[in-house]
Amino acid sequence: VACMDGEWHALPPRLVAEVLRLRGWQVTFLGASVPAAHLVSYLHR
């Protein structure tokens, strides 16, 4: 779960992340303003 690059409103997606966690998913919350290249690198890893 992440915010788009340039997005700083991190609380709403954090709530989504926690609901997903409560429903059994293994959640990684990357927070606000994640550059696309860094997100893709993380997904590859």
PDB file of all heavy atoms in Angstrom:
ATOM      1  N   VAL A   1       0.853  -1.184   0.000  1.00  0.00           N
ATOM      2  CA  VAL A   1       0.000   0.000   0.000  1.00  0.00           C
ATOM      3  C   VAL A   1       0.890   1.235   0.000  1.00  0.00           C
ATOM      4  O   VAL A   1       1.828   1.326   0.792  1.00  0.00           O
ATOM      5  CB  VAL A   1      -0.933   0.029   1.227  1.00  0.00           C
ATOM      6  CG1 VAL A   1      -1.836   1.258   1.192  1.00  0.00           C
ATOM      7  CG2 VAL A   1      -1.763  -1.245   1.302  1.00  0.00           C
ATOM      8  N   ALA A   2       0.598   2.182  -0.885  1.00  0.00           N
ATOM      9  CA  ALA A   2       1.447   3.365  -0.997  1.00  0.00           C
ATOM     10  C   ALA A   2       0.666   4.546  -1.531  1.00  0.00           C
ATOM     11  O   ALA A   2      -0.371   4.388  -2.183  1.00  0.00           O
ATOM     12  CB  ALA A   2       2.642   3.080  -1.916  1.00  0.00           C
ATOM     13  N   CYS A   3       1.178   5.739  -1.249  1.00  0.00           N
ATOM     14  CA  CYS A   3       0.670   6.961  -1.868  1.00  0.00           C
ATOM     15  C   CYS A   3       1.396   7.197  -3.177  1.00  0.00           C
ATOM     16  O   CYS A   3       2.575   6.851  -3.328  1.00  0.00           O
ATOM     17  CB  CYS A   3       0.900   8.169  -0.962  1.00  0.00           C
ATOM     18  SG  CYS A   3      -0.073   8.165   0.549  1.00  0.00           S
ATOM     19  N   MET A   4       0.696   7.811  -4.123  1.00  0.00           N
ATOM     20  CA  MET A   4       1.330   8.193  -5.373  1.00  0.00           C
ATOM     21  C   MET A   4       2.484   9.158  -5.112  1.00  0.00           C
ATOM     22  O   MET A   4       2.507   9.877  -4.105  1.00  0.00           O
ATOM     23  CB  MET A   4       0.317   8.888  -6.283  1.00  0.00           C
ATOM     24  CG  MET A   4      -0.897   8.073  -6.624  1.00  0.00           C
ATOM     25  SD  MET A   4      -0.495   6.698  -7.724  1.00  0.00           S
ATOM     26  CE  MET A   4      -2.133   5.990  -7.942  1.00  0.00           C
ATOM     27  N   ASP A   5       3.426   9.193  -6.019  1.00  0.00           N
ATOM     28  CA  ASP A   5       4.516  10.162  -5.951  1.00  0.00           C
ATOM     29  C   ASP A   5       3.929  11.574  -5.900  1.00  0.00           C
ATOM     30  O   ASP A   5       3.098  11.944  -6.732  1.00  0.00           O
ATOM     31  CB  ASP A   5       5.405   9.999  -7.185  1.00  0.00           C
ATOM     32  CG  ASP A   5       6.729  10.741  -7.045  1.00  0.00           C
ATOM     33  OD1 ASP A   5       6.964  11.350  -5.993  1.00  0.00           O
ATOM     34  OD2 ASP A   5       7.516  10.707  -8.008  1.00  0.00           O
ATOM     35  N   GLY A   6       4.340  12.361  -4.896  1.00  0.00           N
ATOM     36  CA  GLY A   6       3.828  13.712  -4.740  1.00  0.00           C
ATOM     37  C   GLY A   6       2.596  13.810  -3.864  1.00  0.00           C
ATOM     38  O   GLY A   6       2.107  14.905  -3.604  1.00  0.00           O
ATOM     39  N   GLU A   7       2.086  12.674  -3.385  1.00  0.00           N
ATOM     40  CA  GLU A   7       0.916  12.653  -2.509  1.00  0.00           C
ATOM     41  C   GLU A   7       1.377  12.547  -1.055  1.00  0.00           C
ATOM     42  O   GLU A   7       2.090  11.611  -0.694  1.00  0.00           O
ATOM     43  CB  GLU A   7       0.011  11.464  -2.844  1.00  0.00           C
ATOM     44  CG  GLU A   7      -0.824  11.660  -4.080  1.00  0.00           C
ATOM     45  CD  GLU A   7      -2.041  12.544  -3.820  1.00  0.00           C
ATOM     46  OE1 GLU A   7      -2.277  12.910  -2.651  1.00  0.00           O
ATOM     47  OE2 GLU A   7      -2.735  12.857  -4.794  1.00  0.00           O
ATOM     48  N   TRP A   8       0.910  13.470  -0.207  1.00  0.00           N
ATOM     49  CA  TRP A   8       1.355  13.509   1.188  1.00  0.00           C
ATOM     50  C   TRP A   8       0.231  13.194   2.170  1.00  0.00           C
ATOM     51  O   TRP A   8       0.441  13.239   3.378  1.00  0.00           O
ATOM     52  CB  TRP A   8       1.962  14.877   1.489  1.00  0.00           C
ATOM     53  CG  TRP A   8       3.156  15.135   0.624  1.00  0.00           C
ATOM     54  CD1 TRP A   8       3.212  15.861  -0.532  1.00  0.00           C
ATOM     55  CD2 TRP A   8       4.480  14.619   0.807  1.00  0.00           C
ATOM     56  NE1 TRP A   8       4.470  15.832  -1.080  1.00  0.00           N
ATOM     57  CE2 TRP A   8       5.278  15.080  -0.267  1.00  0.00           C
ATOM     58  CE3 TRP A   8       5.070  13.801   1.783  1.00  0.00           C
ATOM     59  CZ2 TRP A   8       6.621  14.766  -0.394  1.00  0.00           C
ATOM     60  CZ3 TRP A   8       6.416  13.492   1.650  1.00  0.00           C
ATOM     61  CH2 TRP A   8       7.178  13.967   0.583  1.00  0.00           C
ATOM     62  N   HIS A   9      -0.963  12.885   1.671  1.00  0.00           N
ATOM     63  CA  HIS A   9      -2.089  12.546   2.548  1.00  0.00           C
ATOM     64  C   HIS A   9      -2.021  11.048   2.841  1.00  0.00           C
ATOM     65  O   HIS A   9      -2.661  10.239   2.165  1.00  0.00           O
ATOM     66  CB  HIS A   9      -3.418  12.918   1.888  1.00  0.00           C
ATOM     67  CG  HIS A   9      -3.574  14.382   1.635  1.00  0.00           C
ATOM     68  ND1 HIS A   9      -3.032  14.999   0.532  1.00  0.00           N
ATOM     69  CD2 HIS A   9      -4.199  15.350   2.353  1.00  0.00           C
ATOM     70  CE1 HIS A   9      -3.319  16.295   0.575  1.00  0.00           C
ATOM     71  NE2 HIS A   9      -4.024  16.534   1.654  1.00  0.00           N
ATOM     72  N   ALA A  10      -1.256  10.687   3.866  1.00  0.00           N
ATOM     73  CA  ALA A  10      -0.944   9.277   4.098  1.00  0.00           C
ATOM     74  C   ALA A  10      -1.928   8.570   5.023  1.00  0.00           C
ATOM     75  O   ALA A  10      -1.939   7.338   5.066  1.00  0.00           O
ATOM     76  CB  ALA A  10       0.473   9.145   4.673  1.00  0.00           C
ATOM     77  N   LEU A  11      -2.741   9.312   5.782  1.00  0.00           N
ATOM     78  CA  LEU A  11      -3.619   8.638   6.743  1.00  0.00           C
ATOM     79  C   LEU A  11      -4.697   7.785   6.078  1.00  0.00           C
ATOM     80  O   LEU A  11      -4.918   6.640   6.506  1.00  0.00           O
ATOM     81  CB  LEU A  11      -4.235   9.656   7.709  1.00  0.00           C
ATOM     82  CG  LEU A  11      -5.096   9.064   8.825  1.00  0.00           C
ATOM     83  CD1 LEU A  11      -4.312   8.025   9.633  1.00  0.00           C
ATOM     84  CD2 LEU A  11      -5.617  10.165   9.741  1.00  0.00           C
ATOM     85  N   PRO A  12      -5.409   8.266   5.047  1.00  0.00           N
ATOM     86  CA  PRO A  12      -6.422   7.394   4.428  1.00  0.00           C
ATOM     87  C   PRO A  12      -5.863   6.058   3.924  1.00  0.00           C
ATOM     88  O   PRO A  12      -6.445   5.007   4.224  1.00  0.00           O
ATOM     89  CB  PRO A  12      -6.983   8.270   3.301  1.00  0.00           C
ATOM     90  CG  PRO A  12      -6.805   9.667   3.807  1.00  0.00           C
ATOM     91  CD  PRO A  12      -5.483   9.642   4.510  1.00  0.00           C
ATOM     92  N   PRO A  13      -4.740   6.052   3.173  1.00  0.00           N
ATOM     93  CA  PRO A  13      -4.220   4.738   2.772  1.00  0.00           C
ATOM     94  C   PRO A  13      -3.701   3.917   3.951  1.00  0.00           C
ATOM     95  O   PRO A  13      -3.709   2.688   3.906  1.00  0.00           O
ATOM     96  CB  PRO A  13      -3.088   5.080   1.795  1.00  0.00           C
ATOM     97  CG  PRO A  13      -2.771   6.508   2.037  1.00  0.00           C
ATOM     98  CD  PRO A  13      -4.022   7.147   2.492  1.00  0.00           C
ATOM     99  N   ARG A  14      -3.268   4.595   5.017  1.00  0.00           N
ATOM    100  CA  ARG A  14      -2.856   3.848   6.218  1.00  0.00           C
ATOM    101  C   ARG A  14      -4.060   3.102   6.796  1.00  0.00           C
ATOM    102  O   ARG A  14      -3.942   1.956   7.257  1.00  0.00           O
ATOM    103  CB  ARG A  14      -2.285   4.819   7.249  1.00  0.00           C
ATOM    104  CG  ARG A  14      -1.987   4.180   8.621  1.00  0.00           C
ATOM    105  CD  ARG A  14      -0.757   3.298   8.595  1.00  0.00           C
ATOM    106  NE  ARG A  14      -0.574   2.585   9.845  1.00  0.00           N
ATOM    107  CZ  ARG A  14      -0.016   3.108  10.942  1.00  0.00           C
ATOM    108  NH1 ARG A  14       0.406   4.368  10.941  1.00  0.00           N
ATOM    109  NH2 ARG A  14       0.133   2.381  12.028  1.00  0.00           N
ATOM    110  N   LEU A  15      -5.227   3.728   6.793  1.00  0.00           N
ATOM    111  CA  LEU A  15      -6.433   3.055   7.262  1.00  0.00           C
ATOM    112  C   LEU A  15      -6.758   1.844   6.386  1.00  0.00           C
ATOM    113  O   LEU A  15      -7.137   0.784   6.892  1.00  0.00           O
ATOM    114  CB  LEU A  15      -7.606   4.034   7.268  1.00  0.00           C
ATOM    115  CG  LEU A  15      -7.555   5.138   8.331  1.00  0.00           C
ATOM    116  CD1 LEU A  15      -8.628   6.186   8.062  1.00  0.00           C
ATOM    117  CD2 LEU A  15      -7.724   4.561   9.725  1.00  0.00           C
ATOM    118  N   VAL A  16      -6.595   2.005   5.069  1.00  0.00           N
ATOM    119  CA  VAL A  16      -6.802   0.872   4.161  1.00  0.00           C
ATOM    120  C   VAL A  16      -5.824  -0.254   4.498  1.00  0.00           C
ATOM    121  O   VAL A  16      -6.200  -1.430   4.561  1.00  0.00           O
ATOM    122  CB  VAL A  16      -6.634   1.312   2.696  1.00  0.00           C
ATOM    123  CG1 VAL A  16      -6.649   0.098   1.760  1.00  0.00           C
ATOM    124  CG2 VAL A  16      -7.727   2.303   2.308  1.00  0.00           C
ATOM    125  N   ALA A  17      -4.568   0.109   4.725  1.00  0.00           N
ATOM    126  CA  ALA A  17      -3.545  -0.886   5.057  1.00  0.00           C
ATOM    127  C   ALA A  17      -3.930  -1.662   6.317  1.00  0.00           C
ATOM    128  O   ALA A  17      -3.793  -2.895   6.378  1.00  0.00           O
ATOM    129  CB  ALA A  17      -2.189  -0.203   5.235  1.00  0.00           C
ATOM    130  N   GLU A  18      -4.417  -0.958   7.330  1.00  0.00           N
ATOM    131  CA  GLU A  18      -4.765  -1.631   8.582  1.00  0.00           C
ATOM    132  C   GLU A  18      -5.990  -2.513   8.433  1.00  0.00           C
ATOM    133  O   GLU A  18      -6.073  -3.584   9.045  1.00  0.00           O
ATOM    134  CB  GLU A  18      -4.969  -0.601   9.692  1.00  0.00           C
ATOM    135  CG  GLU A  18      -3.715   0.190  10.051  1.00  0.00           C
ATOM    136  CD  GLU A  18      -2.513  -0.698  10.349  1.00  0.00           C
ATOM    137  OE1 GLU A  18      -2.696  -1.803  10.900  1.00  0.00           O
ATOM    138  OE2 GLU A  18      -1.380  -0.300  10.015  1.00  0.00           O
ATOM    139  N   VAL A  19      -6.965  -2.093   7.629  1.00  0.00           N
ATOM    140  CA  VAL A  19      -8.131  -2.946   7.382  1.00  0.00           C
ATOM    141  C   VAL A  19      -7.706  -4.217   6.650  1.00  0.00           C
ATOM    142  O   VAL A  19      -8.160  -5.330   6.984  1.00  0.00           O
ATOM    143  CB  VAL A  19      -9.210  -2.176   6.596  1.00  0.00           C
ATOM    144  CG1 VAL A  19     -10.296  -3.121   6.079  1.00  0.00           C
ATOM    145  CG2 VAL A  19      -9.828  -1.088   7.465  1.00  0.00           C
ATOM    146  N   LEU A  20      -6.837  -4.082   5.675  1.00  0.00           N
ATOM    147  CA  LEU A  20      -6.328  -5.259   4.969  1.00  0.00           C
ATOM    148  C   LEU A  20      -5.583  -6.185   5.935  1.00  0.00           C
ATOM    149  O   LEU A  20      -5.724  -7.414   5.872  1.00  0.00           O
ATOM    150  CB  LEU A  20      -5.394  -4.831   3.831  1.00  0.00           C
ATOM    151  CG  LEU A  20      -6.050  -4.122   2.650  1.00  0.00           C
ATOM    152  CD1 LEU A  20      -4.981  -3.584   1.695  1.00  0.00           C
ATOM    153  CD2 LEU A  20      -6.996  -5.052   1.906  1.00  0.00           C
ATOM    154  N   ARG A  21      -4.813  -5.589   6.833  1.00  0.00           N
ATOM    155  CA  ARG A  21      -4.077  -6.385   7.821  1.00  0.00           C
ATOM    156  C   ARG A  21      -5.057  -7.142   8.738  1.00  0.00           C
ATOM    157  O   ARG A  21      -4.854  -8.318   9.048  1.00  0.00           O
ATOM    158  CB  ARG A  21      -3.179  -5.457   8.637  1.00  0.00           C
ATOM    159  CG  ARG A  21      -1.952  -6.152   9.231  1.00  0.00           C
ATOM    160  CD  ARG A  21      -1.171  -5.228  10.154  1.00  0.00           C
ATOM    161  NE  ARG A  21      -0.891  -3.933   9.587  1.00  0.00           N
ATOM    162  CZ  ARG A  21       0.133  -3.650   8.796  1.00  0.00           C
ATOM    163  NH1 ARG A  21       0.982  -4.610   8.472  1.00  0.00           N
ATOM    164  NH2 ARG A  21       0.326  -2.429   8.346  1.00  0.00           N
ATOM    165  N   LEU A  22      -6.109  -6.450   9.170  1.00  0.00           N
ATOM    166  CA  LEU A  22      -7.114  -7.083  10.029  1.00  0.00           C
ATOM    167  C   LEU A  22      -7.811  -8.236   9.316  1.00  0.00           C
ATOM    168  O   LEU A  22      -8.299  -9.169   9.965  1.00  0.00           O
ATOM    169  CB  LEU A  22      -8.146  -6.046  10.472  1.00  0.00           C
ATOM    170  CG  LEU A  22      -7.667  -5.006  11.494  1.00  0.00           C
ATOM    171  CD1 LEU A  22      -8.683  -3.871  11.618  1.00  0.00           C
ATOM    172  CD2 LEU A  22      -7.408  -5.656  12.850  1.00  0.00           C
ATOM    173  N   ARG A  23      -7.864  -8.157   7.995  1.00  0.00           N
ATOM    174  CA  ARG A  23      -8.524  -9.212   7.215  1.00  0.00           C
ATOM    175  C   ARG A  23      -7.573 -10.309   6.754  1.00  0.00           C
ATOM    176  O   ARG A  23      -7.922 -11.141   5.916  1.00  0.00           O
ATOM    177  CB  ARG A  23      -9.261  -8.595   6.032  1.00  0.00           C
ATOM    178  CG  ARG A  23     -10.390  -7.676   6.474  1.00  0.00           C
ATOM    179  CD  ARG A  23     -11.332  -7.356   5.368  1.00  0.00           C
ATOM    180  NE  ARG A  23     -12.424  -6.493   5.808  1.00  0.00           N
ATOM    181  CZ  ARG A  23     -13.544  -6.313   5.137  1.00  0.00           C
ATOM    182  NH1 ARG A  23     -13.726  -6.938   3.981  1.00  0.00           N
ATOM    183  NH2 ARG A  23     -14.483  -5.512   5.599  1.00  0.00           N
ATOM    184  N   GLY A  24      -6.357 -10.291   7.300  1.00  0.00           N
ATOM    185  CA  GLY A  24      -5.457 -11.419   7.105  1.00  0.00           C
ATOM    186  C   GLY A  24      -4.358 -11.264   6.085  1.00  0.00           C
ATOM    187  O   GLY A  24      -3.546 -12.171   5.903  1.00  0.00           O
ATOM    188  N   TRP A  25      -4.293 -10.118   5.418  1.00  0.00           N
ATOM    189  CA  TRP A  25      -3.228  -9.928   4.438  1.00  0.00           C
ATOM    190  C   TRP A  25      -1.930  -9.524   5.124  1.00  0.00           C
ATOM    191  O   TRP A  25      -1.939  -8.882   6.175  1.00  0.00           O
ATOM    192  CB  TRP A  25      -3.626  -8.846   3.428  1.00  0.00           C
ATOM    193  CG  TRP A  25      -4.780  -9.236   2.566  1.00  0.00           C
ATOM    194  CD1 TRP A  25      -6.092  -8.877   2.727  1.00  0.00           C
ATOM    195  CD2 TRP A  25      -4.749 -10.086   1.424  1.00  0.00           C
ATOM    196  NE1 TRP A  25      -6.875  -9.444   1.756  1.00  0.00           N
ATOM    197  CE2 TRP A  25      -6.078 -10.193   0.932  1.00  0.00           C
ATOM    198  CE3 TRP A  25      -3.730 -10.767   0.756  1.00  0.00           C
ATOM    199  CZ2 TRP A  25      -6.394 -10.956  -0.180  1.00  0.00           C
ATOM    200  CZ3 TRP A  25      -4.054 -11.522  -0.361  1.00  0.00           C
ATOM    201  CH2 TRP A  25      -5.368 -11.609  -0.821  1.00  0.00           C
ATOM    202  N   GLN A  26      -0.826  -9.903   4.512  1.00  0.00           N
ATOM    203  CA  GLN A  26       0.489  -9.435   4.974  1.00  0.00           C
ATOM    204  C   GLN A  26       0.740  -8.100   4.276  1.00  0.00           C
ATOM    205  O   GLN A  26       0.983  -8.059   3.070  1.00  0.00           O
ATOM    206  CB  GLN A  26       1.579 -10.444   4.608  1.00  0.00           C
ATOM    207  CG  GLN A  26       2.966 -10.040   5.074  1.00  0.00           C
ATOM    208  CD  GLN A  26       4.029 -11.057   4.679  1.00  0.00           C
ATOM    209  OE1 GLN A  26       3.710 -12.122   4.153  1.00  0.00           O
ATOM    210  NE2 GLN A  26       5.274 -10.723   4.917  1.00  0.00           N
ATOM    211  N   VAL A  27       0.667  -7.012   5.004  1.00  0.00           N
ATOM    212  CA  VAL A  27       0.654  -5.685   4.405  1.00  0.00           C
ATOM    213  C   VAL A  27       1.985  -4.963   4.624  1.00  0.00           C
ATOM    214  O   VAL A  27       2.520  -4.943   5.731  1.00  0.00           O
ATOM    215  CB  VAL A  27      -0.489  -4.825   4.985  1.00  0.00           C
ATOM    216  CG1 VAL A  27      -0.476  -3.432   4.368  1.00  0.00           C
ATOM    217  CG2 VAL A  27      -1.834  -5.503   4.734  1.00  0.00           C
ATOM    218  N   THR A  28       2.469  -4.377   3.549  1.00  0.00           N
ATOM    219  CA  THR A  28       3.608  -3.463   3.634  1.00  0.00           C
ATOM    220  C   THR A  28       3.100  -2.074   3.279  1.00  0.00           C
ATOM    221  O   THR A  28       2.626  -1.853   2.154  1.00  0.00           O
ATOM    222  CB  THR A  28       4.725  -3.861   2.663  1.00  0.00           C
ATOM    223  OG1 THR A  28       5.169  -5.186   2.970  1.00  0.00           O
ATOM    224  CG2 THR A  28       5.898  -2.896   2.780  1.00  0.00           C
ATOM    225  N   PHE A  29       3.169  -1.161   4.235  1.00  0.00           N
ATOM    226  CA  PHE A  29       2.720   0.205   4.003  1.00  0.00           C
ATOM    227  C   PHE A  29       3.943   1.084   3.754  1.00  0.00           C
ATOM    228  O   PHE A  29       4.779   1.260   4.642  1.00  0.00           O
ATOM    229  CB  PHE A  29       1.924   0.714   5.207  1.00  0.00           C
ATOM    230  CG  PHE A  29       1.430   2.130   5.041  1.00  0.00           C
ATOM    231  CD1 PHE A  29       0.591   2.481   3.992  1.00  0.00           C
ATOM    232  CD2 PHE A  29       1.824   3.120   5.933  1.00  0.00           C
ATOM    233  CE1 PHE A  29       0.148   3.783   3.833  1.00  0.00           C
ATOM    234  CE2 PHE A  29       1.380   4.427   5.789  1.00  0.00           C
ATOM    235  CZ  PHE A  29       0.541   4.760   4.732  1.00  0.00           C
ATOM    236  N   LEU A  30       4.044   1.630   2.556  1.00  0.00           N
ATOM    237  CA  LEU A  30       5.218   2.412   2.178  1.00  0.00           C
ATOM    238  C   LEU A  30       5.067   3.896   2.469  1.00  0.00           C
ATOM    239  O   LEU A  30       6.029   4.652   2.348  1.00  0.00           O
ATOM    240  CB  LEU A  30       5.535   2.205   0.695  1.00  0.00           C
ATOM    241  CG  LEU A  30       5.847   0.759   0.273  1.00  0.00           C
ATOM    242  CD1 LEU A  30       6.215   0.703  -1.199  1.00  0.00           C
ATOM    243  CD2 LEU A  30       6.964   0.167   1.126  1.00  0.00           C
ATOM    244  N   GLY A  31       3.855   4.347   2.813  1.00  0.00           N
ATOM    245  CA  GLY A  31       3.667   5.729   3.240  1.00  0.00           C
ATOM    246  C   GLY A  31       3.484   6.716   2.110  1.00  0.00           C
ATOM    247  O   GLY A  31       3.077   6.369   0.999  1.00  0.00           O
ATOM    248  N   ALA A  32       3.806   7.975   2.427  1.00  0.00           N
ATOM    249  CA  ALA A  32       3.528   9.089   1.517  1.00  0.00           C
ATOM    250  C   ALA A  32       4.556   9.190   0.398  1.00  0.00           C
ATOM    251  O   ALA A  32       5.722   8.814   0.572  1.00  0.00           O
ATOM    252  CB  ALA A  32       3.495  10.395   2.300  1.00  0.00           C
ATOM    253  N   SER A  33       4.110   9.718  -0.735  1.00  0.00           N
ATOM    254  CA  SER A  33       4.946  10.120  -1.861  1.00  0.00           C
ATOM    255  C   SER A  33       6.052   9.114  -2.188  1.00  0.00           C
ATOM    256  O   SER A  33       7.240   9.377  -1.981  1.00  0.00           O
ATOM    257  CB  SER A  33       5.570  11.498  -1.582  1.00  0.00           C
ATOM    258  OG  SER A  33       6.192  11.996  -2.763  1.00  0.00           O
ATOM    259  N   VAL A  34       5.646   7.985  -2.734  1.00  0.00           N
ATOM    260  CA  VAL A  34       6.617   6.951  -3.106  1.00  0.00           C
ATOM    261  C   VAL A  34       6.965   7.105  -4.587  1.00  0.00           C
ATOM    262  O   VAL A  34       6.090   6.982  -5.446  1.00  0.00           O
ATOM    263  CB  VAL A  34       6.045   5.552  -2.845  1.00  0.00           C
ATOM    264  CG1 VAL A  34       7.066   4.482  -3.220  1.00  0.00           C
ATOM    265  CG2 VAL A  34       5.619   5.407  -1.385  1.00  0.00           C
ATOM    266  N   PRO A  35       8.227   7.382  -4.924  1.00  0.00           N
ATOM    267  CA  PRO A  35       8.594   7.490  -6.349  1.00  0.00           C
ATOM    268  C   PRO A  35       8.322   6.185  -7.082  1.00  0.00           C
ATOM    269  O   PRO A  35       8.538   5.100  -6.546  1.00  0.00           O
ATOM    270  CB  PRO A  35      10.102   7.797  -6.291  1.00  0.00           C
ATOM    271  CG  PRO A  35      10.321   8.384  -4.925  1.00  0.00           C
ATOM    272  CD  PRO A  35       9.349   7.668  -4.029  1.00  0.00           C
ATOM    273  N   ALA A  36       7.849   6.298  -8.305  1.00  0.00           N
ATOM    274  CA  ALA A  36       7.462   5.118  -9.076  1.00  0.00           C
ATOM    275  C   ALA A  36       8.605   4.118  -9.211  1.00  0.00           C
ATOM    276  O   ALA A  36       8.408   2.909  -9.049  1.00  0.00           O
ATOM    277  CB  ALA A  36       6.960   5.541 -10.457  1.00  0.00           C
ATOM    278  N   ALA A  37       9.802   4.623  -9.484  1.00  0.00           N
ATOM    279  CA  ALA A  37      10.942   3.717  -9.683  1.00  0.00           C
ATOM    280  C   ALA A  37      11.240   2.933  -8.412  1.00  0.00           C
ATOM    281  O   ALA A  37      11.581   1.738  -8.468  1.00  0.00           O
ATOM    282  CB  ALA A  37      12.173   4.510 -10.113  1.00  0.00           C
ATOM    283  N   HIS A  38      11.104   3.577  -7.256  1.00  0.00           N
ATOM    284  CA  HIS A  38      11.376   2.906  -5.987  1.00  0.00           C
ATOM    285  C   HIS A  38      10.297   1.870  -5.688  1.00  0.00           C
ATOM    286  O   HIS A  38      10.586   0.800  -5.142  1.00  0.00           O
ATOM    287  CB  HIS A  38      11.452   3.934  -4.857  1.00  0.00           C
ATOM    288  CG  HIS A  38      12.640   4.838  -4.963  1.00  0.00           C
ATOM    289  ND1 HIS A  38      13.493   5.096  -3.899  1.00  0.00           N
ATOM    290  CD2 HIS A  38      13.139   5.552  -5.997  1.00  0.00           C
ATOM    291  CE1 HIS A  38      14.450   5.917  -4.275  1.00  0.00           C
ATOM    292  NE2 HIS A  38      14.253   6.209  -5.555  1.00  0.00           N
ATOM    293  N   LEU A  39       9.050   2.190  -6.025  1.00  0.00           N
ATOM    294  CA  LEU A  39       7.974   1.227  -5.809  1.00  0.00           C
ATOM    295  C   LEU A  39       8.181  -0.005  -6.682  1.00  0.00           C
ATOM    296  O   LEU A  39       8.061  -1.140  -6.204  1.00  0.00           O
ATOM    297  CB  LEU A  39       6.627   1.878  -6.129  1.00  0.00           C
ATOM    298  CG  LEU A  39       5.408   0.942  -6.076  1.00  0.00           C
ATOM    299  CD1 LEU A  39       5.248   0.347  -4.685  1.00  0.00           C
ATOM    300  CD2 LEU A  39       4.142   1.682  -6.496  1.00  0.00           C
ATOM    301  N   VAL A  40       8.511   0.206  -7.945  1.00  0.00           N
ATOM    302  CA  VAL A  40       8.715  -0.926  -8.856  1.00  0.00           C
ATOM    303  C   VAL A  40       9.895  -1.775  -8.390  1.00  0.00           C
ATOM    304  O   VAL A  40       9.839  -3.015  -8.416  1.00  0.00           O
ATOM    305  CB  VAL A  40       8.937  -0.421 -10.291  1.00  0.00           C
ATOM    306  CG1 VAL A  40       9.405  -1.551 -11.199  1.00  0.00           C
ATOM    307  CG2 VAL A  40       7.656   0.196 -10.834  1.00  0.00           C
ATOM    308  N   SER A  41      10.962  -1.122  -7.930  1.00  0.00           N
ATOM    309  CA  SER A  41      12.111  -1.864  -7.409  1.00  0.00           C
ATOM    310  C   SER A  41      11.702  -2.727  -6.223  1.00  0.00           C
ATOM    311  O   SER A  41      12.130  -3.882  -6.097  1.00  0.00           O
ATOM    312  CB  SER A  41      13.212  -0.880  -6.996  1.00  0.00           C
ATOM    313  OG  SER A  41      14.298  -1.560  -6.403  1.00  0.00           O
ATOM    314  N   TYR A  42      10.842  -2.183  -5.373  1.00  0.00           N
ATOM    315  CA  TYR A  42      10.368  -2.936  -4.211  1.00  0.00           C
ATOM    316  C   TYR A  42       9.532  -4.128  -4.659  1.00  0.00           C
ATOM    317  O   TYR A  42       9.656  -5.236  -4.124  1.00  0.00           O
ATOM    318  CB  TYR A  42       9.546  -2.013  -3.313  1.00  0.00           C
ATOM    319  CG  TYR A  42       9.214  -2.623  -1.972  1.00  0.00           C
ATOM    320  CD1 TYR A  42      10.070  -2.469  -0.883  1.00  0.00           C
ATOM    321  CD2 TYR A  42       8.048  -3.372  -1.800  1.00  0.00           C
ATOM    322  CE1 TYR A  42       9.766  -3.046   0.345  1.00  0.00           C
ATOM    323  CE2 TYR A  42       7.750  -3.950  -0.582  1.00  0.00           C
ATOM    324  CZ  TYR A  42       8.610  -3.783   0.486  1.00  0.00           C
ATOM    325  OH  TYR A  42       8.324  -4.358   1.696  1.00  0.00           O
ATOM    326  N   LEU A  43       8.671  -3.921  -5.651  1.00  0.00           N
ATOM    327  CA  LEU A  43       7.828  -5.004  -6.138  1.00  0.00           C
ATOM    328  C   LEU A  43       8.652  -6.117  -6.776  1.00  0.00           C
ATOM    329  O   LEU A  43       8.296  -7.296  -6.699  1.00  0.00           O
ATOM    330  CB  LEU A  43       6.814  -4.467  -7.151  1.00  0.00           C
ATOM    331  CG  LEU A  43       5.775  -3.489  -6.607  1.00  0.00           C
ATOM    332  CD1 LEU A  43       4.898  -2.968  -7.738  1.00  0.00           C
ATOM    333  CD2 LEU A  43       4.926  -4.123  -5.519  1.00  0.00           C
ATOM    334  N   HIS A  44       9.754  -5.756  -7.405  1.00  0.00           N
ATOM    335  CA  HIS A  44      10.636  -6.767  -7.992  1.00  0.00           C
ATOM    336  C   HIS A  44      11.308  -7.601  -6.906  1.00  0.00           C
ATOM    337  O   HIS A  44      11.592  -8.782  -7.104  1.00  0.00           O
ATOM    338  CB  HIS A  44      11.710  -6.092  -8.855  1.00  0.00           C
ATOM    339  CG  HIS A  44      11.204  -5.646 -10.189  1.00  0.00           C
ATOM    340  ND1 HIS A  44      11.830  -4.661 -10.925  1.00  0.00           N
ATOM    341  CD2 HIS A  44      10.137  -6.026 -10.919  1.00  0.00           C
ATOM    342  CE1 HIS A  44      11.159  -4.479 -12.048  1.00  0.00           C
ATOM    343  NE2 HIS A  44      10.126  -5.296 -12.058  1.00  0.00           N
ATOM    344  N   ARG A  45      11.550  -6.967  -5.773  1.00  0.00           N
ATOM    345  CA  ARG A  45      12.256  -7.656  -4.689  1.00  0.00           C
ATOM    346  C   ARG A  45      11.336  -8.577  -3.898  1.00  0.00           C
ATOM    347  O   ARG A  45      11.756  -9.626  -3.412  1.00  0.00           O
ATOM    348  CB  ARG A  45      12.895  -6.617  -3.754  1.00  0.00           C
ATOM    349  CG  ARG A  45      13.739  -7.216  -2.658  1.00  0.00           C
ATOM    350  CD  ARG A  45      14.482  -6.141  -1.900  1.00  0.00           C
ATOM    351  NE  ARG A  45      15.311  -6.710  -0.849  1.00  0.00           N
ATOM    352  CZ  ARG A  45      16.091  -5.998  -0.058  1.00  0.00           C
ATOM    353  NH1 ARG A  45      16.164  -4.680  -0.213  1.00  0.00           N
ATOM    354  NH2 ARG A  45      16.807  -6.585   0.872  1.00  0.00           N
TER     355      ARG A  45
END
